[in-house]
Amino acid sequence: MDLLDRFRGCLFGLAVGDALGMPTEGYTAQEIKAKFGLVSEMLPAPEGHFHSGLLAGQFTDDTEETLLLAESLIEASGFSPDRFAEKLAAWGATWTLDERLNRGVGFATRSAVESIIAGSAWQQSGLAIPTCGAAMRAAPIGLLYHPDLNIVKSYADLQSLPTHTSAAARAGAVAVAVGVALGTAGFSRDVIFRNAASQASRLDAEFAERLLWVGSLLDLSPEDAMGLIRNSPLAMETVPAAFYCFLKFEPKEALIMAASSGGDTDSIACIAGSLFGAAFGASWIPESWLTAVEGKERIENAARGLCRLSASFCR
């Protein structure tokens, strides 16, 4: 498997996970079962849902922010918090003018982006809210800097700060970026999981402990395990839920489980999709998902641009 396949797998895995979980976000597992059954194909957001108007295969702010981070890395030839903050502000300017374009932006990110637009420096704009907004977008850092975990950890943390300053939110971002980096480097799922928790522990020991705890739940039924882990937008729940899916299932099954289990379904499925894609490339992604997902050219360009830049660093 070549490096480009892992970069493509990561970003496409993330986007299809996000799009698969988009219409079920916010429902309980029971409501999803009654309303949709098992979510194994792309579906439009239902009438009256907060994503109402999004079509089958359209993604949320999770993928949008990931691509903004990836494009800022490519444009600046590496991580520039100033460039990333500019991208966030330009994106925010579109949905402050037209609410339909915000695609479910969370409270912390929305407040922070509005603060940057109003003139705050990115060092002052973030909120100490422990949600998963910085974790769901952190994958490009793991891809680009995968040969050096110290750089991955530092930049995954730094890209959190314009929007999320709490220790748990930052630790979640580090766990995801490190997981992607080790997957890209070809390590096993268990090594990926343990090292992601270890690096995250430098920022928040409680978060790391909770992440490691999901490894002890693998013998339970998925419904029981996911019920214990929980699935709110808190980084303490979303990121462990995604790693549980990564450890417990094969890729397609994992994303179906993430999209069908309730709560922050799009973020859980998108993080799991990024981990699987980095570790296994793109070949596992069902053709019907790839056909349906929007923005394929933009995702492809981001994967290729990051891969070229990463190769130039190694030279």
Protein backbone atom coordinates (compact mmCIF):
# COMPACT_ATOMS: atom_id res chain seq x y z
CA MET A 1 0.00 0.00 0.00
CA ASP A 2 1.53 3.34 -0.97
CA LEU A 3 1.44 6.51 1.08
CA LEU A 4 -1.03 8.30 -1.21
CA ASP A 5 -3.52 5.45 -0.72
CA ARG A 6 -3.35 6.00 3.05
CA PHE A 7 -3.79 9.79 2.68
CA ARG A 8 -6.76 9.28 0.32
CA GLY A 9 -8.20 6.56 2.56
CA CYS A 10 -7.99 8.82 5.59
CA LEU A 11 -9.73 11.84 4.05
CA PHE A 12 -12.31 9.86 2.08
CA GLY A 13 -12.92 7.59 5.11
CA LEU A 14 -13.51 10.67 7.22
CA ALA A 15 -15.90 12.26 4.68
CA VAL A 16 -17.98 9.11 4.11
CA GLY A 17 -18.21 8.54 7.89
CA ASP A 18 -19.38 12.12 8.38
CA ALA A 19 -21.95 11.88 5.56
CA LEU A 20 -23.20 8.48 6.79
CA GLY A 21 -23.73 9.86 10.32
CA MET A 22 -25.13 13.23 9.20
CA PRO A 23 -28.88 12.35 9.07
CA THR A 24 -28.85 10.46 12.39
CA GLU A 25 -26.94 13.04 14.47
CA GLY A 26 -28.74 13.89 17.71
CA TYR A 27 -31.10 10.89 17.75
CA THR A 28 -30.82 8.03 20.26
CA ALA A 29 -29.94 4.52 19.07
CA GLN A 30 -33.58 3.53 19.60
CA GLU A 31 -34.89 6.49 17.55
CA ILE A 32 -32.45 5.67 14.74
CA LYS A 33 -33.56 2.04 14.71
CA ALA A 34 -37.24 3.06 14.49
CA LYS A 35 -36.69 5.84 11.96
CA PHE A 36 -33.94 4.46 9.70
CA GLY A 37 -33.14 0.86 10.65
CA LEU A 38 -29.43 0.07 10.34
CA VAL A 39 -27.72 3.00 8.58
CA SER A 40 -25.69 1.29 5.87
CA GLU A 41 -26.21 3.72 2.95
CA MET A 42 -26.09 7.49 2.52
CA LEU A 43 -29.40 9.12 3.41
CA PRO A 44 -30.72 12.71 3.31
CA ALA A 45 -31.39 14.55 6.57
CA PRO A 46 -35.02 14.06 7.59
CA GLU A 47 -37.58 16.88 7.55
CA GLY A 48 -37.33 18.99 10.72
CA HIS A 49 -33.81 17.72 11.59
CA PHE A 50 -31.16 20.42 12.21
CA HIS A 51 -29.36 19.21 9.05
CA SER A 52 -32.65 19.37 7.13
CA GLY A 53 -31.91 20.31 3.51
CA LEU A 54 -28.68 18.29 3.32
CA LEU A 55 -28.90 15.55 0.70
CA ALA A 56 -27.62 11.95 0.82
CA GLY A 57 -23.80 12.05 0.72
CA GLN A 58 -23.45 15.64 1.90
CA PHE A 59 -21.12 16.12 4.86
CA THR A 60 -21.18 18.43 7.88
CA ASP A 61 -18.81 20.97 9.41
CA ASP A 62 -16.59 18.04 10.52
CA THR A 63 -15.30 17.41 6.99
CA GLU A 64 -15.45 21.10 6.06
CA GLU A 65 -13.09 22.02 8.92
CA THR A 66 -10.81 19.05 8.16
CA LEU A 67 -10.45 20.25 4.56
CA LEU A 68 -9.85 23.84 5.69
CA LEU A 69 -7.03 22.60 7.92
CA ALA A 70 -5.61 20.42 5.12
CA GLU A 71 -5.75 23.29 2.62
CA SER A 72 -4.10 25.68 5.09
CA LEU A 73 -1.26 23.15 5.55
CA ILE A 74 -0.77 22.87 1.78
CA GLU A 75 -0.90 26.65 1.17
CA ALA A 76 1.53 27.46 4.00
CA SER A 77 3.81 24.44 3.31
CA GLY A 78 3.23 23.30 6.89
CA PHE A 79 1.16 24.28 9.89
CA SER A 80 0.51 28.00 10.32
CA PRO A 81 -2.05 28.87 13.01
CA ASP A 82 -2.46 32.30 11.41
CA ARG A 83 -3.31 30.77 8.02
CA PHE A 84 -5.71 28.28 9.62
CA ALA A 85 -7.46 31.05 11.58
CA GLU A 86 -7.83 33.05 8.33
CA LYS A 87 -9.43 30.01 6.67
CA LEU A 88 -11.83 29.58 9.59
CA ALA A 89 -12.80 33.26 9.42
CA ALA A 90 -13.40 33.19 5.64
CA TRP A 91 -15.53 30.06 6.04
CA GLY A 92 -17.40 31.60 8.99
CA ALA A 93 -18.16 34.70 6.94
CA THR A 94 -20.21 32.53 4.53
CA TRP A 95 -22.48 31.07 7.20
CA THR A 96 -22.86 34.23 9.25
CA LEU A 97 -24.45 35.66 6.06
CA ASP A 98 -26.48 32.53 5.27
CA GLU A 99 -27.35 30.28 8.21
CA ARG A 100 -28.07 27.32 5.87
CA LEU A 101 -24.36 27.08 5.03
CA ASN A 102 -23.11 26.35 8.56
CA ARG A 103 -23.72 22.57 8.41
CA GLY A 104 -24.14 22.09 12.17
CA VAL A 105 -21.23 24.12 13.55
CA GLY A 106 -20.95 23.53 17.31
CA PHE A 107 -21.26 26.26 19.92
CA ALA A 108 -17.53 26.52 20.74
CA THR A 109 -16.43 26.71 17.09
CA ARG A 110 -19.22 29.11 16.14
CA SER A 111 -18.41 31.49 19.02
CA ALA A 112 -14.67 31.32 18.36
CA VAL A 113 -15.00 31.90 14.61
CA GLU A 114 -17.35 34.85 15.18
CA SER A 115 -14.78 36.22 17.62
CA ILE A 116 -11.98 35.92 14.99
CA ILE A 117 -14.22 37.63 12.39
CA ALA A 118 -14.82 40.45 14.90
CA GLY A 119 -11.06 40.99 15.17
CA SER A 120 -9.85 38.76 18.02
CA ALA A 121 -6.46 37.11 17.60
CA TRP A 122 -6.64 33.28 17.38
CA GLN A 123 -4.69 33.12 20.65
CA GLN A 124 -7.70 34.73 22.39
CA SER A 125 -10.63 33.34 20.40
CA GLY A 126 -10.90 29.77 21.74
CA LEU A 127 -13.36 28.64 24.42
CA ALA A 128 -12.65 26.26 27.30
CA ILE A 129 -15.48 23.92 26.27
CA PRO A 130 -14.49 20.21 26.28
CA THR A 131 -16.27 19.20 23.05
CA CYS A 132 -14.79 17.31 20.08
CA GLY A 133 -14.56 20.11 17.48
CA ALA A 134 -10.75 20.11 17.45
CA ALA A 135 -10.53 16.29 17.43
CA MET A 136 -12.84 15.70 14.48
CA ARG A 137 -10.66 17.86 12.17
CA ALA A 138 -7.15 16.88 13.41
CA ALA A 139 -6.42 14.08 10.91
CA PRO A 140 -4.45 16.19 8.36
CA ILE A 141 -1.83 16.96 11.05
CA GLY A 142 -1.34 13.22 11.61
CA LEU A 143 -1.01 12.58 7.88
CA LEU A 144 1.43 15.37 7.09
CA TYR A 145 3.74 14.92 10.08
CA HIS A 146 3.37 11.13 10.55
CA PRO A 147 7.13 10.40 10.81
CA ASP A 148 7.44 12.50 14.01
CA LEU A 149 4.94 12.02 16.85
CA ASN A 150 6.29 14.96 18.85
CA ILE A 151 5.47 17.32 15.99
CA VAL A 152 2.08 15.63 15.52
CA LYS A 153 1.29 16.13 19.22
CA SER A 154 2.42 19.78 19.25
CA TYR A 155 0.55 20.82 16.10
CA ALA A 156 -2.61 18.82 16.88
CA ASP A 157 -2.71 20.73 20.16
CA LEU A 158 -1.95 24.07 18.51
CA GLN A 159 -4.63 23.70 15.81
CA SER A 160 -7.16 23.21 18.65
CA LEU A 161 -6.51 26.56 20.30
CA PRO A 162 -8.31 28.96 17.90
CA THR A 163 -11.59 27.24 18.86
CA HIS A 164 -11.07 24.82 21.80
CA THR A 165 -8.76 25.52 24.74
CA SER A 166 -9.92 22.93 27.30
CA ALA A 167 -7.49 20.13 28.19
CA ALA A 168 -9.92 17.36 27.18
CA ALA A 169 -10.67 18.92 23.78
CA ARG A 170 -6.95 19.32 23.07
CA ALA A 171 -6.14 15.79 24.30
CA GLY A 172 -8.87 14.44 21.99
CA ALA A 173 -7.27 16.21 19.02
CA VAL A 174 -3.86 14.79 19.93
CA ALA A 175 -5.28 11.25 20.24
CA VAL A 176 -6.89 11.42 16.79
CA ALA A 177 -3.86 12.98 15.05
CA VAL A 178 -1.47 10.47 16.67
CA GLY A 179 -3.81 7.61 15.74
CA VAL A 180 -3.81 8.77 12.11
CA ALA A 181 -0.01 9.23 12.12
CA LEU A 182 0.65 5.71 13.40
CA GLY A 183 -1.91 4.23 11.00
CA THR A 184 -0.17 6.03 8.13
CA ALA A 185 3.14 4.56 9.33
CA GLY A 186 1.66 1.05 9.22
CA PHE A 187 1.35 0.15 12.91
CA SER A 188 -1.23 -2.31 14.28
CA ARG A 189 -4.54 -1.17 15.74
CA ASP A 190 -3.45 -2.00 19.28
CA VAL A 191 -0.20 -0.02 18.98
CA ILE A 192 -2.14 2.90 17.45
CA PHE A 193 -4.66 2.84 20.30
CA ARG A 194 -2.14 2.62 23.15
CA ASN A 195 0.15 5.33 21.76
CA ALA A 196 -2.77 7.66 21.03
CA ALA A 197 -3.76 7.39 24.71
CA SER A 198 -0.17 7.80 25.85
CA GLN A 199 0.39 11.02 23.87
CA ALA A 200 -3.02 12.39 24.94
CA SER A 201 -2.11 11.77 28.60
CA ARG A 202 0.47 14.57 28.39
CA LEU A 203 -2.44 17.01 28.08
CA ASP A 204 -5.18 15.34 30.11
CA ALA A 205 -4.57 12.20 32.18
CA GLU A 206 -8.30 11.71 32.83
CA PHE A 207 -9.11 11.77 29.11
CA ALA A 208 -6.30 9.27 28.40
CA GLU A 209 -7.54 6.95 31.14
CA ARG A 210 -11.06 7.02 29.72
CA LEU A 211 -9.72 6.32 26.23
CA LEU A 212 -7.70 3.32 27.46
CA TRP A 213 -10.75 2.03 29.35
CA VAL A 214 -12.59 1.31 26.07
CA GLY A 215 -10.03 -1.44 25.43
CA SER A 216 -11.56 -3.34 28.36
CA LEU A 217 -15.05 -3.25 26.80
CA LEU A 218 -14.33 -5.30 23.67
CA ASP A 219 -15.90 -8.49 25.05
CA LEU A 220 -19.25 -6.79 25.75
CA SER A 221 -22.02 -6.58 23.16
CA PRO A 222 -21.55 -3.45 20.99
CA GLU A 223 -24.85 -1.99 22.30
CA ASP A 224 -23.72 -2.39 25.92
CA ALA A 225 -20.23 -1.04 25.22
CA MET A 226 -21.48 1.98 23.28
CA GLY A 227 -24.05 2.60 26.03
CA LEU A 228 -21.28 2.73 28.64
CA ILE A 229 -18.96 4.92 26.55
CA ARG A 230 -21.83 7.31 25.63
CA ASN A 231 -21.99 9.54 22.58
CA SER A 232 -22.48 13.22 23.40
CA PRO A 233 -20.31 15.83 21.58
CA LEU A 234 -17.91 15.83 24.58
CA ALA A 235 -14.39 14.79 23.51
CA MET A 236 -14.40 12.41 26.53
CA GLU A 237 -17.18 10.43 24.82
CA THR A 238 -16.90 10.98 21.06
CA VAL A 239 -13.20 10.16 20.71
CA PRO A 240 -13.31 6.98 22.87
CA ALA A 241 -16.45 5.87 20.97
CA ALA A 242 -14.60 6.27 17.65
CA PHE A 243 -11.56 4.34 18.92
CA TYR A 244 -13.88 1.60 20.25
CA CYS A 245 -15.37 1.22 16.74
CA PHE A 246 -11.82 1.18 15.30
CA LEU A 247 -10.71 -1.59 17.67
CA LYS A 248 -13.87 -3.71 17.63
CA PHE A 249 -15.02 -3.87 13.99
CA GLU A 250 -13.90 -4.08 10.40
CA PRO A 251 -14.06 -0.68 8.66
CA LYS A 252 -17.46 -0.73 6.91
CA GLU A 253 -19.17 -2.36 9.91
CA ALA A 254 -17.53 0.19 12.25
CA LEU A 255 -18.93 3.19 10.38
CA ILE A 256 -22.40 1.61 10.17
CA MET A 257 -22.26 1.01 13.94
CA ALA A 258 -21.08 4.58 14.59
CA ALA A 259 -23.85 6.06 12.42
CA SER A 260 -26.52 3.83 14.01
CA SER A 261 -25.61 4.12 17.71
CA GLY A 262 -26.96 7.60 18.42
CA GLY A 263 -25.65 10.94 19.67
CA ASP A 264 -22.82 12.67 17.81
CA THR A 265 -22.96 10.05 15.05
CA ASP A 266 -21.26 12.11 12.33
CA SER A 267 -18.22 12.95 14.48
CA ILE A 268 -17.82 9.40 15.81
CA ALA A 269 -18.09 7.92 12.29
CA CYS A 270 -15.81 10.55 10.75
CA ILE A 271 -13.03 10.01 13.34
CA ALA A 272 -13.32 6.22 12.98
CA GLY A 273 -13.24 6.60 9.17
CA SER A 274 -10.05 8.67 9.33
CA LEU A 275 -8.33 6.06 11.53
CA PHE A 276 -9.33 3.18 9.26
CA GLY A 277 -8.36 5.06 6.10
CA ALA A 278 -4.88 5.92 7.39
CA ALA A 279 -4.33 2.32 8.53
CA PHE A 280 -5.88 0.46 5.57
CA GLY A 281 -6.00 2.88 2.63
CA ALA A 282 -9.16 3.47 0.59
CA SER A 283 -9.99 -0.01 -0.77
CA TRP A 284 -12.49 -0.84 2.04
CA ILE A 285 -14.76 2.12 1.27
CA PRO A 286 -17.92 0.85 -0.48
CA GLU A 287 -18.34 2.12 -4.04
CA SER A 288 -21.89 3.31 -3.26
CA TRP A 289 -20.55 5.53 -0.45
CA LEU A 290 -17.81 6.99 -2.63
CA THR A 291 -20.22 7.63 -5.49
CA ALA A 292 -22.62 9.48 -3.18
CA VAL A 293 -20.19 11.59 -1.17
CA GLU A 294 -19.89 15.24 -2.21
CA GLY A 295 -16.68 17.18 -2.86
CA LYS A 296 -14.66 14.27 -4.25
CA GLU A 297 -12.32 16.47 -6.28
CA ARG A 298 -11.62 18.74 -3.31
CA ILE A 299 -10.92 15.73 -1.05
CA GLU A 300 -8.68 14.14 -3.71
CA ASN A 301 -6.73 17.40 -4.14
CA ALA A 302 -6.25 17.73 -0.37
CA ALA A 303 -4.96 14.15 -0.09
CA ARG A 304 -2.55 14.59 -3.02
CA GLY A 305 -1.33 17.98 -1.81
CA LEU A 306 -0.65 16.70 1.71
CA CYS A 307 1.10 13.60 0.36
CA ARG A 308 3.39 15.68 -1.90
CA LEU A 309 4.22 18.04 0.96
CA SER A 310 4.92 15.13 3.33
CA ALA A 311 7.26 13.55 0.77
CA SER A 312 9.13 16.85 0.39
CA PHE A 313 9.68 16.97 4.18
CA CYS A 314 11.13 13.45 4.12
CA ARG A 315 13.56 14.41 1.35
